[in-house]
Amino acid sequence: MSQPSKRWSAGSPVFARWRRFLTALLVLTASTAWARTGGPATPPPTVSFCDLLANPQAFDGQWIQVQARISLAFEDFSLHEPGCDKPLTRSIWLEYGGDEETPTTYCCGDHRRPKGKDIVVRGQPIPLIRDAHMQDFIAKVQARRRHQVNGQPCGGSLCNFYNVSTTLVGLFLAAQDNPRNPRGGYGHLGCCHLLVIHRVSDVIAERTPVPADDVSFTCLTQTWQAEFPASASTNLLDPQVANKKFLAQQMRQHGDADLVETMRNTFSSYAGLTGTLVWTSPDLQTIYSATFPQSSSNKKKRPATPRPTTVTVDREHCVPLPENHNRP
């Protein structure tokens, strides 16, 4: 049997030259494929969501790739990760490239997109890659129940059928922090930094416990009063902590201790600072609500020694109607 030529052996100069040539060819082919999409010329660097939040200015104006969870609700289309999100700090607002409109209502301005025209950001058109991954992403993110099981409108992301996470490629724009314009960002009321989506991949959609639209329920409400402890704190977030602690205590006392860690705000994460706090279980079948005392902004009207007050608490529990089991 003939032996292979030494000039093609793994350590030969000829082999090394061919290996360098093939590597360069593969890089050029990949770069050409990316460039044809109208996006970045080469695959962009991967950035962790936490690093992006911690140092947004370092990535301003750059194409990036980031993996995170998607939050879609009224006045919210953003990225989040529980281990990185912090109250009262900017998150990352999402916009689609191409002519795909933002799937939520938010303030302020007209956000309609002319059909057939790519969105232009800082003078650069950003197309949207409408492949199977993108179609799946859009469908899963927007799939939701029309109403809560008690017939009330859906608030926040409560009625979403899927918790979606994905890897996104897009152009990142950091909000410019300006003391004279604290809302000088993007998205709802200038809340956030911005990622304009060019493509998605690795879409993971986990089905939530939200019941399907064709399941009907009957609901019963219990009401009682409980003493709410007094507080002299003026910290902005302290009332939210106290209100949640109070409602969690009421849940434990009324047989719902196993639901405490799963309950979600009906509205945004800042709901319940004062006024009414509504908590709903993931399956929408148990709802707790309480209206808390409002603290006076006038220091002269505040009592020298804060006194406890009485708070009315409602617990609504819904169960599926028997007719649901008789359907073919």
Protein backbone atom coordinates (compact mmCIF):
# COMPACT_ATOMS: atom_id res chain seq x y z
CA MET A 1 0.00 0.00 0.00
CA SER A 2 1.34 3.42 -0.94
CA GLN A 3 2.18 5.89 1.81
CA PRO A 4 0.75 9.46 1.81
CA SER A 5 3.15 12.11 0.62
CA LYS A 6 5.13 13.79 3.40
CA ARG A 7 4.37 17.19 1.87
CA TRP A 8 0.70 16.71 2.97
CA SER A 9 1.48 15.49 6.48
CA ALA A 10 0.01 17.44 9.39
CA GLY A 11 3.29 19.16 10.20
CA SER A 12 4.32 20.07 6.65
CA PRO A 13 4.46 23.70 5.37
CA VAL A 14 2.04 22.86 2.54
CA PHE A 15 -0.56 21.51 4.96
CA ALA A 16 -0.20 24.61 7.18
CA ARG A 17 -0.69 26.94 4.20
CA TRP A 18 -3.84 25.09 3.08
CA ARG A 19 -5.23 25.14 6.61
CA ARG A 20 -4.75 28.93 6.82
CA PHE A 21 -6.38 29.33 3.40
CA LEU A 22 -9.44 27.23 4.32
CA THR A 23 -9.83 29.07 7.65
CA ALA A 24 -9.77 32.45 5.88
CA LEU A 25 -12.26 31.16 3.31
CA LEU A 26 -14.68 30.04 6.02
CA VAL A 27 -14.42 33.43 7.77
CA LEU A 28 -15.01 35.26 4.48
CA THR A 29 -18.01 33.05 3.67
CA ALA A 30 -19.55 33.67 7.11
CA SER A 31 -18.92 37.40 6.82
CA THR A 32 -20.51 37.53 3.38
CA ALA A 33 -23.58 35.67 4.66
CA TRP A 34 -24.02 38.16 7.52
CA ALA A 35 -23.44 41.15 5.23
CA ARG A 36 -26.14 39.98 2.80
CA THR A 37 -28.77 40.36 5.56
CA GLY A 38 -28.16 44.10 5.77
CA GLY A 39 -26.98 43.77 9.35
CA PRO A 40 -23.46 43.56 10.79
CA ALA A 41 -20.67 42.53 8.43
CA THR A 42 -19.48 39.80 10.82
CA PRO A 43 -21.11 37.95 13.73
CA PRO A 44 -21.24 40.51 16.56
CA PRO A 45 -19.70 39.92 20.00
CA THR A 46 -21.79 38.18 22.65
CA VAL A 47 -22.51 40.38 25.67
CA SER A 48 -24.12 39.19 28.89
CA PHE A 49 -27.30 41.00 29.89
CA CYS A 50 -25.83 41.90 33.29
CA ASP A 51 -22.72 43.45 31.69
CA LEU A 52 -24.91 45.40 29.28
CA LEU A 53 -26.92 46.90 32.16
CA ALA A 54 -23.84 47.59 34.25
CA ASN A 55 -21.88 49.38 31.52
CA PRO A 56 -24.23 50.43 28.69
CA GLN A 57 -22.06 53.28 27.40
CA ALA A 58 -19.30 50.81 26.49
CA PHE A 59 -21.60 49.23 23.88
CA ASP A 60 -23.37 52.35 22.58
CA GLY A 61 -23.83 52.27 18.81
CA GLN A 62 -22.54 48.71 18.48
CA TRP A 63 -23.99 45.53 17.03
CA ILE A 64 -24.25 42.97 19.82
CA GLN A 65 -25.62 39.53 20.56
CA VAL A 66 -27.37 39.04 23.92
CA GLN A 67 -29.47 36.32 25.55
CA ALA A 68 -32.28 37.26 27.96
CA ARG A 69 -35.94 36.89 28.83
CA ILE A 70 -38.62 38.94 27.11
CA SER A 71 -41.12 41.11 28.96
CA LEU A 72 -44.22 42.18 26.99
CA ALA A 73 -47.07 44.05 28.67
CA PHE A 74 -48.88 47.37 28.51
CA GLU A 75 -46.20 50.07 28.14
CA ASP A 76 -43.46 47.43 28.26
CA PHE A 77 -41.45 45.57 25.62
CA SER A 78 -38.07 44.92 27.16
CA LEU A 79 -35.35 42.49 28.18
CA HIS A 80 -34.97 41.28 31.74
CA GLU A 81 -33.16 38.76 33.92
CA PRO A 82 -34.15 38.32 37.58
CA GLY A 83 -30.54 38.26 38.75
CA CYS A 84 -29.65 41.53 37.03
CA ASP A 85 -32.78 43.70 37.21
CA LYS A 86 -32.70 46.43 39.85
CA PRO A 87 -35.55 48.81 40.87
CA LEU A 88 -35.42 52.38 39.59
CA THR A 89 -32.66 51.67 37.03
CA ARG A 90 -32.90 51.69 33.25
CA SER A 91 -33.72 48.44 31.49
CA ILE A 92 -33.37 47.66 27.78
CA TRP A 93 -36.31 48.53 25.55
CA LEU A 94 -36.87 46.50 22.39
CA GLU A 95 -37.84 47.64 18.91
CA TYR A 96 -38.10 45.44 15.84
CA GLY A 97 -36.02 46.22 12.81
CA GLY A 98 -37.68 46.34 9.39
CA ASP A 99 -41.28 47.55 9.32
CA GLU A 100 -42.58 45.43 12.25
CA GLU A 101 -44.46 47.59 14.74
CA THR A 102 -43.85 47.49 18.48
CA PRO A 103 -46.40 45.05 20.01
CA THR A 104 -47.46 47.33 22.87
CA THR A 105 -48.87 50.80 23.50
CA TYR A 106 -46.57 53.28 25.17
CA CYS A 107 -45.95 57.00 25.59
CA CYS A 108 -45.20 59.11 23.74
CA GLY A 109 -45.58 59.81 20.03
CA ASP A 110 -46.72 57.94 16.93
CA HIS A 111 -44.98 54.56 16.65
CA ARG A 112 -46.55 53.31 13.43
CA ARG A 113 -44.17 51.95 10.79
CA PRO A 114 -44.49 52.61 7.05
CA LYS A 115 -44.88 49.24 5.35
CA GLY A 116 -41.97 48.16 3.19
CA LYS A 117 -39.47 50.55 4.81
CA ASP A 118 -36.80 49.52 7.32
CA ILE A 119 -36.50 51.50 10.52
CA VAL A 120 -33.53 53.89 10.41
CA VAL A 121 -31.43 54.35 13.54
CA ARG A 122 -28.68 56.97 13.61
CA GLY A 123 -28.76 57.05 9.84
CA GLN A 124 -28.49 53.26 9.47
CA PRO A 125 -31.38 51.12 8.14
CA ILE A 126 -31.99 48.06 10.33
CA PRO A 127 -33.72 45.21 8.46
CA LEU A 128 -35.56 42.36 10.20
CA ILE A 129 -34.69 38.76 9.32
CA ARG A 130 -38.13 37.14 9.00
CA ASP A 131 -37.07 33.52 9.17
CA ALA A 132 -38.73 30.64 11.05
CA HIS A 133 -37.06 31.70 14.32
CA MET A 134 -38.47 35.22 14.04
CA GLN A 135 -41.97 34.00 13.15
CA ASP A 136 -41.95 31.66 16.15
CA PHE A 137 -40.63 34.44 18.41
CA ILE A 138 -43.30 36.96 17.40
CA ALA A 139 -46.10 34.41 17.73
CA LYS A 140 -45.03 33.13 21.16
CA VAL A 141 -44.33 36.56 22.66
CA GLN A 142 -47.76 37.89 21.67
CA ALA A 143 -49.84 34.79 22.54
CA ARG A 144 -52.08 35.59 25.52
CA ARG A 145 -55.51 35.06 27.09
CA ARG A 146 -58.02 37.79 26.26
CA HIS A 147 -59.29 38.30 29.85
CA GLN A 148 -58.55 37.13 33.37
CA VAL A 149 -60.64 34.16 34.55
CA ASN A 150 -62.87 36.55 36.57
CA GLY A 151 -63.66 38.55 33.43
CA GLN A 152 -61.44 41.52 34.31
CA PRO A 153 -58.98 42.97 31.80
CA CYS A 154 -55.49 41.51 31.79
CA GLY A 155 -52.86 43.74 33.37
CA GLY A 156 -49.16 43.51 32.73
CA SER A 157 -47.97 40.14 31.47
CA LEU A 158 -50.35 38.10 33.65
CA CYS A 159 -52.25 36.54 30.75
CA ASN A 160 -49.28 35.62 28.56
CA PHE A 161 -49.33 31.97 27.45
CA TYR A 162 -45.53 31.73 27.28
CA ASN A 163 -42.43 32.85 29.14
CA VAL A 164 -40.02 33.52 26.29
CA SER A 165 -36.26 33.78 26.29
CA THR A 166 -34.10 34.06 23.20
CA THR A 167 -30.80 35.18 21.73
CA LEU A 168 -31.06 38.50 19.91
CA VAL A 169 -28.75 40.25 17.47
CA GLY A 170 -29.31 43.97 17.14
CA LEU A 171 -27.97 47.49 17.29
CA PHE A 172 -27.64 48.77 20.86
CA LEU A 173 -28.12 52.41 21.85
CA ALA A 174 -27.36 53.57 25.38
CA ALA A 175 -29.55 56.25 26.96
CA GLN A 176 -27.71 59.49 27.48
CA ASP A 177 -27.94 60.37 31.17
CA ASN A 178 -28.66 64.07 31.51
CA PRO A 179 -29.70 65.63 34.84
CA ARG A 180 -31.79 68.15 32.91
CA ASN A 181 -33.62 65.39 31.06
CA PRO A 182 -34.00 62.29 33.28
CA ARG A 183 -36.28 60.72 30.66
CA GLY A 184 -33.78 61.07 27.86
CA GLY A 185 -33.83 57.40 26.93
CA TYR A 186 -35.93 55.20 24.66
CA GLY A 187 -39.26 53.45 25.01
CA HIS A 188 -42.04 54.36 27.43
CA LEU A 189 -41.42 57.86 28.81
CA GLY A 190 -37.76 57.57 27.84
CA CYS A 191 -37.28 54.83 30.43
CA CYS A 192 -34.62 52.69 28.89
CA HIS A 193 -31.66 51.88 26.73
CA LEU A 194 -32.56 50.45 23.30
CA LEU A 195 -31.89 47.29 21.31
CA VAL A 196 -33.17 47.31 17.72
CA ILE A 197 -33.74 43.66 16.80
CA HIS A 198 -32.19 42.37 13.57
CA ARG A 199 -32.52 38.61 14.10
CA VAL A 200 -33.32 36.04 16.81
CA SER A 201 -32.29 32.45 17.45
CA ASP A 202 -32.59 29.78 20.13
CA VAL A 203 -36.16 30.76 21.00
CA ILE A 204 -37.30 29.02 24.20
CA ALA A 205 -41.02 29.31 25.00
CA GLU A 206 -42.20 27.81 28.30
CA ARG A 207 -46.00 27.40 28.62
CA THR A 208 -47.38 29.28 31.63
CA PRO A 209 -50.25 28.01 33.84
CA VAL A 210 -52.61 30.58 32.26
CA PRO A 211 -55.79 28.70 31.19
CA ALA A 212 -56.84 28.63 27.56
CA ASP A 213 -59.49 31.09 26.38
CA ASP A 214 -62.20 28.44 26.05
CA VAL A 215 -62.10 27.49 29.77
CA SER A 216 -64.83 29.22 31.86
CA PHE A 217 -64.76 29.85 35.61
CA THR A 218 -66.96 30.76 38.56
CA CYS A 219 -65.53 32.99 41.30
CA LEU A 220 -66.21 33.65 45.00
CA THR A 221 -64.87 36.65 46.97
CA GLN A 222 -64.12 36.81 50.71
CA THR A 223 -63.57 40.17 52.43
CA TRP A 224 -62.13 40.96 55.85
CA GLN A 225 -60.32 43.73 57.72
CA ALA A 226 -56.86 43.56 59.25
CA GLU A 227 -54.63 45.96 61.16
CA PHE A 228 -51.87 47.51 59.09
CA PRO A 229 -48.75 48.45 61.11
CA ALA A 230 -47.72 52.08 61.27
CA SER A 231 -44.54 53.36 59.65
CA ALA A 232 -42.72 56.69 59.81
CA SER A 233 -40.37 55.89 56.92
CA THR A 234 -40.01 58.35 54.02
CA ASN A 235 -37.97 56.03 51.75
CA LEU A 236 -39.66 55.63 48.36
CA LEU A 237 -39.47 51.82 48.30
CA ASP A 238 -40.31 51.19 51.97
CA PRO A 239 -44.10 51.40 51.47
CA GLN A 240 -43.87 48.81 48.69
CA VAL A 241 -41.94 46.43 50.94
CA ALA A 242 -44.37 46.96 53.84
CA ASN A 243 -47.43 46.49 51.64
CA LYS A 244 -46.12 43.25 50.15
CA LYS A 245 -45.13 41.93 53.57
CA PHE A 246 -48.62 42.66 54.89
CA LEU A 247 -50.38 40.95 51.97
CA ALA A 248 -48.09 37.92 52.21
CA GLN A 249 -48.97 37.61 55.90
CA GLN A 250 -52.67 37.69 55.05
CA MET A 251 -52.19 34.94 52.48
CA ARG A 252 -50.44 32.70 54.99
CA GLN A 253 -53.19 33.25 57.54
CA HIS A 254 -55.88 32.29 55.02
CA GLY A 255 -54.42 29.05 53.71
CA ASP A 256 -52.43 30.29 50.70
CA ALA A 257 -48.88 30.08 52.06
CA ASP A 258 -47.82 27.95 49.08
CA LEU A 259 -48.75 30.77 46.69
CA VAL A 260 -46.81 33.59 48.37
CA GLU A 261 -43.63 33.20 46.33
CA THR A 262 -45.51 32.80 43.04
CA MET A 263 -47.89 35.78 43.25
CA ARG A 264 -47.45 38.55 40.72
CA ASN A 265 -48.48 42.17 40.50
CA THR A 266 -51.40 42.82 38.19
CA PHE A 267 -49.57 45.88 36.90
CA SER A 268 -45.91 46.94 36.77
CA SER A 269 -43.25 46.06 39.32
CA TYR A 270 -43.71 49.52 40.83
CA ALA A 271 -47.42 49.01 41.53
CA GLY A 272 -48.30 48.93 45.18
CA LEU A 273 -46.02 51.70 46.39
CA THR A 274 -49.17 53.22 47.87
CA GLY A 275 -52.87 52.76 47.20
CA THR A 276 -54.20 49.43 45.97
CA LEU A 277 -51.97 46.37 45.58
CA VAL A 278 -53.32 43.40 43.59
CA TRP A 279 -51.59 40.03 43.56
CA THR A 280 -52.62 37.23 41.21
CA SER A 281 -51.52 33.58 41.13
CA PRO A 282 -49.84 32.31 37.94
CA ASP A 283 -52.97 30.33 36.96
CA LEU A 284 -55.12 33.49 37.50
CA GLN A 285 -57.42 31.58 39.87
CA THR A 286 -56.53 33.30 43.18
CA ILE A 287 -56.44 37.09 43.56
CA TYR A 288 -55.60 39.10 46.69
CA SER A 289 -56.11 42.85 46.86
CA ALA A 290 -55.81 45.50 49.57
CA THR A 291 -56.08 49.28 49.62
CA PHE A 292 -53.39 50.80 51.80
CA PRO A 293 -53.31 54.20 53.55
CA GLN A 294 -51.78 57.04 51.61
CA SER A 295 -48.94 58.86 53.34
CA SER A 296 -49.33 62.62 53.48
CA SER A 297 -46.73 64.74 51.68
CA ASN A 298 -47.43 67.54 54.17
CA LYS A 299 -45.18 67.00 57.18
CA LYS A 300 -47.39 69.27 59.34
CA LYS A 301 -50.36 66.93 58.81
CA ARG A 302 -48.47 63.79 59.76
CA PRO A 303 -49.10 62.56 63.31
CA ALA A 304 -46.10 62.81 65.64
CA THR A 305 -46.45 59.10 66.39
CA PRO A 306 -47.68 56.96 63.45
CA ARG A 307 -50.77 54.94 64.33
CA PRO A 308 -51.84 51.60 62.86
CA THR A 309 -54.80 51.63 60.51
CA THR A 310 -57.40 49.11 59.38
CA VAL A 311 -57.07 47.75 55.85
CA THR A 312 -59.74 45.90 53.86
CA VAL A 313 -58.47 42.75 52.17
CA ASP A 314 -60.23 40.82 49.38
CA ARG A 315 -59.51 37.22 48.37
CA GLU A 316 -61.13 36.06 45.15
CA HIS A 317 -60.87 32.40 44.19
CA CYS A 318 -62.08 30.98 40.88
CA VAL A 319 -62.67 27.36 39.85
CA PRO A 320 -63.40 25.91 36.40
CA LEU A 321 -67.07 25.30 35.60
CA PRO A 322 -68.18 21.65 35.28
CA GLU A 323 -69.19 22.30 31.66
CA ASN A 324 -65.49 22.45 30.73
CA HIS A 325 -65.20 18.72 31.39
CA ASN A 326 -68.14 17.83 29.15
CA ARG A 327 -66.65 19.26 25.98
CA PRO A 328 -65.67 16.84 23.23
